Amino acid sequence: MLKRPVIIISIAAAIVLAACSGDGAGADDAGAEAAPAATSVASTTPTTTSPPQGAETEGTLIVQDGDLVEVHYDGTLDDGSTFDSSRERGTPFSFTVGTGQVIAGFDEAVRGLRVGESREVRIPAEDAYGEWSEANVIEVPIGDDQGDVAVGDRVYLNTGQAAVVLEVKDGTVVLDANHELAGKALTFNIEVLSITRP
């Protein structure tokens, strides 16, 4: 799909921000890394695998808030399809634990792990990118100078938030500003590759 900016009046942008702030959908677009920004893990007990006997670890470091960790992860939906994978990209994902850089369930999944250990966790929609909301479907004006926009196009609001074009009308466009993973539970298999403590 084409990536075109859609510049809208600031009132419309404020409506989108207000609508998104209550449901976890205000995180960055998941196109680069869906590893996530939201709230807690599912109540099911996560599975943890330890490294093989004698495997090299970084001393006795256990992941805690404030640590910079590098991980590999596979993210799947309930139907088994993969929505994102750092392993497939061949590039580990780094973030600082407990700083809101990822959804809280992802933060929680790495806490307590050592280098070489892995964990699988299922994060329900409300604790990931939020439930899909009709409040995030908005109609905004579009000017002639903004080029052709077609149904299905991914566009960006002047806030930087991504949206999908649902309908093009005379002088306006209807956008779905819900996160693309809104309403979906996410399962992550996460392996800790390194821990750096400031």
C-alpha atoms as a PDB file:
ATOM      1  CA  MET A   1       0.000   0.000   0.000  1.00  0.00           C
ATOM      2  CA  LEU A   2       1.080   3.586  -0.584  1.00  0.00           C
ATOM      3  CA  LYS A   3       2.347   5.683   2.296  1.00  0.00           C
ATOM      4  CA  ARG A   4       1.040   9.220   1.911  1.00  0.00           C
ATOM      5  CA  PRO A   5       0.703  11.900   4.541  1.00  0.00           C
ATOM      6  CA  VAL A   6      -2.797  13.096   5.183  1.00  0.00           C
ATOM      7  CA  ILE A   7      -2.698  16.528   6.754  1.00  0.00           C
ATOM      8  CA  ILE A   8      -5.825  17.247   8.733  1.00  0.00           C
ATOM      9  CA  ILE A   9      -7.051  20.050  10.905  1.00  0.00           C
ATOM     10  CA  SER A  10      -5.673  20.022  14.441  1.00  0.00           C
ATOM     11  CA  ILE A  11      -9.118  19.401  15.956  1.00  0.00           C
ATOM     12  CA  ALA A  12      -9.362  16.076  14.117  1.00  0.00           C
ATOM     13  CA  ALA A  13      -5.870  15.126  15.269  1.00  0.00           C
ATOM     14  CA  ALA A  14      -6.830  15.886  18.858  1.00  0.00           C
ATOM     15  CA  ILE A  15      -9.901  13.667  18.512  1.00  0.00           C
ATOM     16  CA  VAL A  16      -7.728  10.779  17.338  1.00  0.00           C
ATOM     17  CA  LEU A  17      -5.234  11.241  20.154  1.00  0.00           C
ATOM     18  CA  ALA A  18      -8.000  11.383  22.730  1.00  0.00           C
ATOM     19  CA  ALA A  19      -9.686   8.309  21.281  1.00  0.00           C
ATOM     20  CA  CYS A  20      -6.459   6.316  21.201  1.00  0.00           C
ATOM     21  CA  SER A  21      -5.143   7.275  24.611  1.00  0.00           C
ATOM     22  CA  GLY A  22      -7.652   5.163  26.481  1.00  0.00           C
ATOM     23  CA  ASP A  23      -7.204   1.853  24.676  1.00  0.00           C
ATOM     24  CA  GLY A  24      -3.480   1.261  24.230  1.00  0.00           C
ATOM     25  CA  ALA A  25      -3.556   2.099  20.533  1.00  0.00           C
ATOM     26  CA  GLY A  26      -1.233   5.083  20.817  1.00  0.00           C
ATOM     27  CA  ALA A  27       1.932   2.988  20.399  1.00  0.00           C
ATOM     28  CA  ASP A  28       4.209   3.305  17.423  1.00  0.00           C
ATOM     29  CA  ASP A  29       3.197   1.539  14.251  1.00  0.00           C
ATOM     30  CA  ALA A  30       4.222  -2.130  14.357  1.00  0.00           C
ATOM     31  CA  GLY A  31       5.683  -2.188  10.867  1.00  0.00           C
ATOM     32  CA  ALA A  32       9.271  -2.187  12.064  1.00  0.00           C
ATOM     33  CA  GLU A  33       8.922  -4.050  15.352  1.00  0.00           C
ATOM     34  CA  ALA A  34       5.663  -5.074  16.812  1.00  0.00           C
ATOM     35  CA  ALA A  35       7.313  -5.670  20.101  1.00  0.00           C
ATOM     36  CA  PRO A  36       5.110  -3.766  21.638  1.00  0.00           C
ATOM     37  CA  ALA A  37       3.613  -0.489  24.301  1.00  0.00           C
ATOM     38  CA  ALA A  38       0.434  -1.540  26.721  1.00  0.00           C
ATOM     39  CA  THR A  39      -0.339  -3.214  30.184  1.00  0.00           C
ATOM     40  CA  SER A  40      -0.019  -6.741  31.714  1.00  0.00           C
ATOM     41  CA  VAL A  41       0.462 -10.395  30.872  1.00  0.00           C
ATOM     42  CA  ALA A  42      -2.219 -13.065  30.673  1.00  0.00           C
ATOM     43  CA  SER A  43      -2.997 -14.961  33.830  1.00  0.00           C
ATOM     44  CA  THR A  44      -1.628 -18.221  32.364  1.00  0.00           C
ATOM     45  CA  THR A  45       1.758 -19.296  33.712  1.00  0.00           C
ATOM     46  CA  PRO A  46       4.513 -18.560  31.190  1.00  0.00           C
ATOM     47  CA  THR A  47       6.842 -21.354  30.062  1.00  0.00           C
ATOM     48  CA  THR A  48      10.521 -20.768  30.784  1.00  0.00           C
ATOM     49  CA  THR A  49      13.412 -22.705  29.235  1.00  0.00           C
ATOM     50  CA  SER A  50      16.896 -22.603  30.705  1.00  0.00           C
ATOM     51  CA  PRO A  51      20.106 -22.699  28.671  1.00  0.00           C
ATOM     52  CA  PRO A  52      21.827 -26.098  28.281  1.00  0.00           C
ATOM     53  CA  GLN A  53      24.080 -27.240  31.151  1.00  0.00           C
ATOM     54  CA  GLY A  54      27.420 -25.434  30.956  1.00  0.00           C
ATOM     55  CA  ALA A  55      26.142 -22.800  28.514  1.00  0.00           C
ATOM     56  CA  GLU A  56      27.911 -19.458  28.871  1.00  0.00           C
ATOM     57  CA  THR A  57      25.877 -16.755  30.640  1.00  0.00           C
ATOM     58  CA  GLU A  58      26.714 -13.226  31.742  1.00  0.00           C
ATOM     59  CA  GLY A  59      27.491 -14.150  35.319  1.00  0.00           C
ATOM     60  CA  THR A  60      24.409 -14.340  37.478  1.00  0.00           C
ATOM     61  CA  LEU A  61      22.609 -11.320  35.982  1.00  0.00           C
ATOM     62  CA  ILE A  62      18.846 -11.666  36.022  1.00  0.00           C
ATOM     63  CA  VAL A  63      16.808  -9.202  33.940  1.00  0.00           C
ATOM     64  CA  GLN A  64      15.336  -6.391  36.014  1.00  0.00           C
ATOM     65  CA  ASP A  65      13.966  -2.897  35.408  1.00  0.00           C
ATOM     66  CA  GLY A  66      16.583  -0.524  34.000  1.00  0.00           C
ATOM     67  CA  ASP A  67      18.532  -3.246  32.186  1.00  0.00           C
ATOM     68  CA  LEU A  68      19.224  -2.859  28.481  1.00  0.00           C
ATOM     69  CA  VAL A  69      18.373  -6.247  27.006  1.00  0.00           C
ATOM     70  CA  GLU A  70      18.839  -7.687  23.547  1.00  0.00           C
ATOM     71  CA  VAL A  71      16.343 -10.384  22.623  1.00  0.00           C
ATOM     72  CA  HIS A  72      15.105 -12.477  19.754  1.00  0.00           C
ATOM     73  CA  TYR A  73      11.361 -13.017  19.563  1.00  0.00           C
ATOM     74  CA  ASP A  74       8.659 -14.568  17.420  1.00  0.00           C
ATOM     75  CA  GLY A  75       5.190 -13.022  17.639  1.00  0.00           C
ATOM     76  CA  THR A  76       2.155 -15.066  16.632  1.00  0.00           C
ATOM     77  CA  LEU A  77      -1.626 -14.644  16.659  1.00  0.00           C
ATOM     78  CA  ASP A  78      -4.128 -17.157  18.010  1.00  0.00           C
ATOM     79  CA  ASP A  79      -4.526 -18.662  14.523  1.00  0.00           C
ATOM     80  CA  GLY A  80      -0.813 -19.536  14.532  1.00  0.00           C
ATOM     81  CA  SER A  81       0.194 -16.924  11.953  1.00  0.00           C
ATOM     82  CA  THR A  82       3.366 -14.909  12.581  1.00  0.00           C
ATOM     83  CA  PHE A  83       2.850 -11.133  12.702  1.00  0.00           C
ATOM     84  CA  ASP A  84       6.468 -10.263  13.509  1.00  0.00           C
ATOM     85  CA  SER A  85       9.778 -12.009  14.156  1.00  0.00           C
ATOM     86  CA  SER A  86      13.193 -10.586  14.964  1.00  0.00           C
ATOM     87  CA  ARG A  87      14.614 -14.026  14.167  1.00  0.00           C
ATOM     88  CA  GLU A  88      13.236 -13.904  10.616  1.00  0.00           C
ATOM     89  CA  ARG A  89      14.701 -10.418  10.159  1.00  0.00           C
ATOM     90  CA  GLY A  90      18.004 -11.651  11.558  1.00  0.00           C
ATOM     91  CA  THR A  91      18.238  -8.584  13.770  1.00  0.00           C
ATOM     92  CA  PRO A  92      17.897  -8.795  17.572  1.00  0.00           C
ATOM     93  CA  PHE A  93      15.590  -6.305  19.293  1.00  0.00           C
ATOM     94  CA  SER A  94      16.987  -4.109  22.089  1.00  0.00           C
ATOM     95  CA  PHE A  95      15.089  -2.153  24.717  1.00  0.00           C
ATOM     96  CA  THR A  96      15.420  -0.931  28.291  1.00  0.00           C
ATOM     97  CA  VAL A  97      13.169  -2.901  30.636  1.00  0.00           C
ATOM     98  CA  GLY A  98      10.513  -0.998  32.582  1.00  0.00           C
ATOM     99  CA  THR A  99      10.721   2.269  30.632  1.00  0.00           C
ATOM    100  CA  GLY A 100       7.559   1.918  28.515  1.00  0.00           C
ATOM    101  CA  GLN A 101       9.416   1.209  25.275  1.00  0.00           C
ATOM    102  CA  VAL A 102       7.398  -1.997  24.803  1.00  0.00           C
ATOM    103  CA  ILE A 103       4.011  -3.214  25.971  1.00  0.00           C
ATOM    104  CA  ALA A 104       4.069  -4.111  29.644  1.00  0.00           C
ATOM    105  CA  GLY A 105       3.415  -7.792  28.948  1.00  0.00           C
ATOM    106  CA  PHE A 106       6.626  -7.953  26.928  1.00  0.00           C
ATOM    107  CA  ASP A 107       8.517  -6.198  29.758  1.00  0.00           C
ATOM    108  CA  GLU A 108       7.047  -8.659  32.244  1.00  0.00           C
ATOM    109  CA  ALA A 109       8.008 -11.670  30.106  1.00  0.00           C
ATOM    110  CA  VAL A 110      11.754 -10.906  30.234  1.00  0.00           C
ATOM    111  CA  ARG A 111      11.955  -9.985  33.916  1.00  0.00           C
ATOM    112  CA  GLY A 112      13.725 -12.702  35.898  1.00  0.00           C
ATOM    113  CA  LEU A 113      15.388 -14.343  32.870  1.00  0.00           C
ATOM    114  CA  ARG A 114      19.128 -14.867  32.360  1.00  0.00           C
ATOM    115  CA  VAL A 115      21.080 -14.810  29.103  1.00  0.00           C
ATOM    116  CA  GLY A 116      20.143 -17.886  27.059  1.00  0.00           C
ATOM    117  CA  GLU A 117      16.806 -18.379  28.779  1.00  0.00           C
ATOM    118  CA  SER A 118      13.518 -18.057  26.911  1.00  0.00           C
ATOM    119  CA  ARG A 119       9.874 -17.667  27.772  1.00  0.00           C
ATOM    120  CA  GLU A 120       6.586 -17.908  25.907  1.00  0.00           C
ATOM    121  CA  VAL A 121       3.767 -15.620  26.976  1.00  0.00           C
ATOM    122  CA  ARG A 122       0.297 -14.840  25.606  1.00  0.00           C
ATOM    123  CA  ILE A 123      -0.799 -11.225  26.053  1.00  0.00           C
ATOM    124  CA  PRO A 124      -4.553 -10.544  25.692  1.00  0.00           C
ATOM    125  CA  ALA A 125      -5.699  -7.716  23.409  1.00  0.00           C
ATOM    126  CA  GLU A 126      -6.629  -5.379  26.241  1.00  0.00           C
ATOM    127  CA  ASP A 127      -3.064  -5.642  27.568  1.00  0.00           C
ATOM    128  CA  ALA A 128      -1.403  -5.321  24.155  1.00  0.00           C
ATOM    129  CA  TYR A 129      -2.677  -2.770  21.602  1.00  0.00           C
ATOM    130  CA  GLY A 130      -6.170  -2.494  23.074  1.00  0.00           C
ATOM    131  CA  GLU A 131      -9.543  -3.519  21.754  1.00  0.00           C
ATOM    132  CA  TRP A 132     -10.658  -2.304  18.331  1.00  0.00           C
ATOM    133  CA  SER A 133     -12.776   0.821  18.854  1.00  0.00           C
ATOM    134  CA  GLU A 134     -15.361   2.556  16.670  1.00  0.00           C
ATOM    135  CA  ALA A 135     -14.187   5.804  18.315  1.00  0.00           C
ATOM    136  CA  ASN A 136     -10.949   5.506  16.324  1.00  0.00           C
ATOM    137  CA  VAL A 137     -12.813   5.568  12.997  1.00  0.00           C
ATOM    138  CA  ILE A 138     -12.889   9.220  11.979  1.00  0.00           C
ATOM    139  CA  GLU A 139     -13.881  11.353   9.012  1.00  0.00           C
ATOM    140  CA  VAL A 140     -11.487  14.174   8.194  1.00  0.00           C
ATOM    141  CA  PRO A 141     -11.208  16.766   5.425  1.00  0.00           C
ATOM    142  CA  ILE A 142      -8.704  16.243   2.646  1.00  0.00           C
ATOM    143  CA  GLY A 143      -7.429  18.891   0.245  1.00  0.00           C
ATOM    144  CA  ASP A 144      -6.844  18.701  -3.491  1.00  0.00           C
ATOM    145  CA  ASP A 145      -3.127  19.238  -2.880  1.00  0.00           C
ATOM    146  CA  GLN A 146      -2.867  15.979  -0.934  1.00  0.00           C
ATOM    147  CA  GLY A 147      -2.930  13.738  -3.998  1.00  0.00           C
ATOM    148  CA  ASP A 148      -5.003  10.690  -4.787  1.00  0.00           C
ATOM    149  CA  VAL A 149      -6.056   8.596  -1.836  1.00  0.00           C
ATOM    150  CA  ALA A 150      -7.754   5.237  -2.337  1.00  0.00           C
ATOM    151  CA  VAL A 151      -9.556   2.786  -0.066  1.00  0.00           C
ATOM    152  CA  GLY A 152      -7.012   0.523   1.626  1.00  0.00           C
ATOM    153  CA  ASP A 153      -4.153   3.054   1.522  1.00  0.00           C
ATOM    154  CA  ARG A 154      -2.092   3.426   4.691  1.00  0.00           C
ATOM    155  CA  VAL A 155      -1.721   7.114   5.475  1.00  0.00           C
ATOM    156  CA  TYR A 156      -0.244   9.124   8.317  1.00  0.00           C
ATOM    157  CA  LEU A 157      -1.986  11.797  10.348  1.00  0.00           C
ATOM    158  CA  ASN A 158      -0.140  15.010  11.171  1.00  0.00           C
ATOM    159  CA  THR A 159       0.524  13.440  14.607  1.00  0.00           C
ATOM    160  CA  GLY A 160       2.556  10.688  12.912  1.00  0.00           C
ATOM    161  CA  GLN A 161      -0.076   8.066  13.716  1.00  0.00           C
ATOM    162  CA  ALA A 162      -0.841   5.536  10.968  1.00  0.00           C
ATOM    163  CA  ALA A 163      -4.383   5.005   9.681  1.00  0.00           C
ATOM    164  CA  VAL A 164      -6.063   3.019   6.917  1.00  0.00           C
ATOM    165  CA  VAL A 165      -8.439   4.626   4.414  1.00  0.00           C
ATOM    166  CA  LEU A 166     -11.898   3.036   4.669  1.00  0.00           C
ATOM    167  CA  GLU A 167     -13.862   5.392   2.406  1.00  0.00           C
ATOM    168  CA  VAL A 168     -13.173   8.382   0.168  1.00  0.00           C
ATOM    169  CA  LYS A 169     -15.924  10.996  -0.083  1.00  0.00           C
ATOM    170  CA  ASP A 170     -16.195  14.384  -1.728  1.00  0.00           C
ATOM    171  CA  GLY A 171     -13.703  16.489   0.236  1.00  0.00           C
ATOM    172  CA  THR A 172     -13.356  14.067   3.159  1.00  0.00           C
ATOM    173  CA  VAL A 173     -11.868  10.668   3.900  1.00  0.00           C
ATOM    174  CA  VAL A 174     -12.931   8.057   6.495  1.00  0.00           C
ATOM    175  CA  LEU A 175      -9.950   6.607   8.370  1.00  0.00           C
ATOM    176  CA  ASP A 176      -9.485   3.684  10.742  1.00  0.00           C
ATOM    177  CA  ALA A 177      -6.874   4.898  13.223  1.00  0.00           C
ATOM    178  CA  ASN A 178      -6.940   1.739  15.349  1.00  0.00           C
ATOM    179  CA  HIS A 179      -3.580   0.003  15.655  1.00  0.00           C
ATOM    180  CA  GLU A 180      -3.325  -2.826  13.120  1.00  0.00           C
ATOM    181  CA  LEU A 181      -3.062  -5.355  15.987  1.00  0.00           C
ATOM    182  CA  ALA A 182      -5.953  -3.866  17.993  1.00  0.00           C
ATOM    183  CA  GLY A 183      -8.386  -6.499  19.207  1.00  0.00           C
ATOM    184  CA  LYS A 184      -5.862  -9.338  18.931  1.00  0.00           C
ATOM    185  CA  ALA A 185      -4.121 -11.416  21.574  1.00  0.00           C
ATOM    186  CA  LEU A 186      -0.387 -11.697  20.956  1.00  0.00           C
ATOM    187  CA  THR A 187       1.839 -14.672  21.793  1.00  0.00           C
ATOM    188  CA  PHE A 188       5.576 -14.055  22.039  1.00  0.00           C
ATOM    189  CA  ASN A 189       8.404 -16.561  22.310  1.00  0.00           C
ATOM    190  CA  ILE A 190      11.278 -14.472  23.677  1.00  0.00           C
ATOM    191  CA  GLU A 191      14.946 -15.421  24.154  1.00  0.00           C
ATOM    192  CA  VAL A 192      17.348 -13.163  26.079  1.00  0.00           C
ATOM    193  CA  LEU A 193      20.628 -12.717  24.192  1.00  0.00           C
ATOM    194  CA  SER A 194      22.369 -10.123  26.372  1.00  0.00           C
ATOM    195  CA  ILE A 195      21.886  -8.009  29.477  1.00  0.00           C
ATOM    196  CA  THR A 196      23.643  -4.698  30.004  1.00  0.00           C
ATOM    197  CA  ARG A 197      23.274  -3.055  33.383  1.00  0.00           C
ATOM    198  CA  PRO A 198      24.160   0.647  33.704  1.00  0.00           C
END
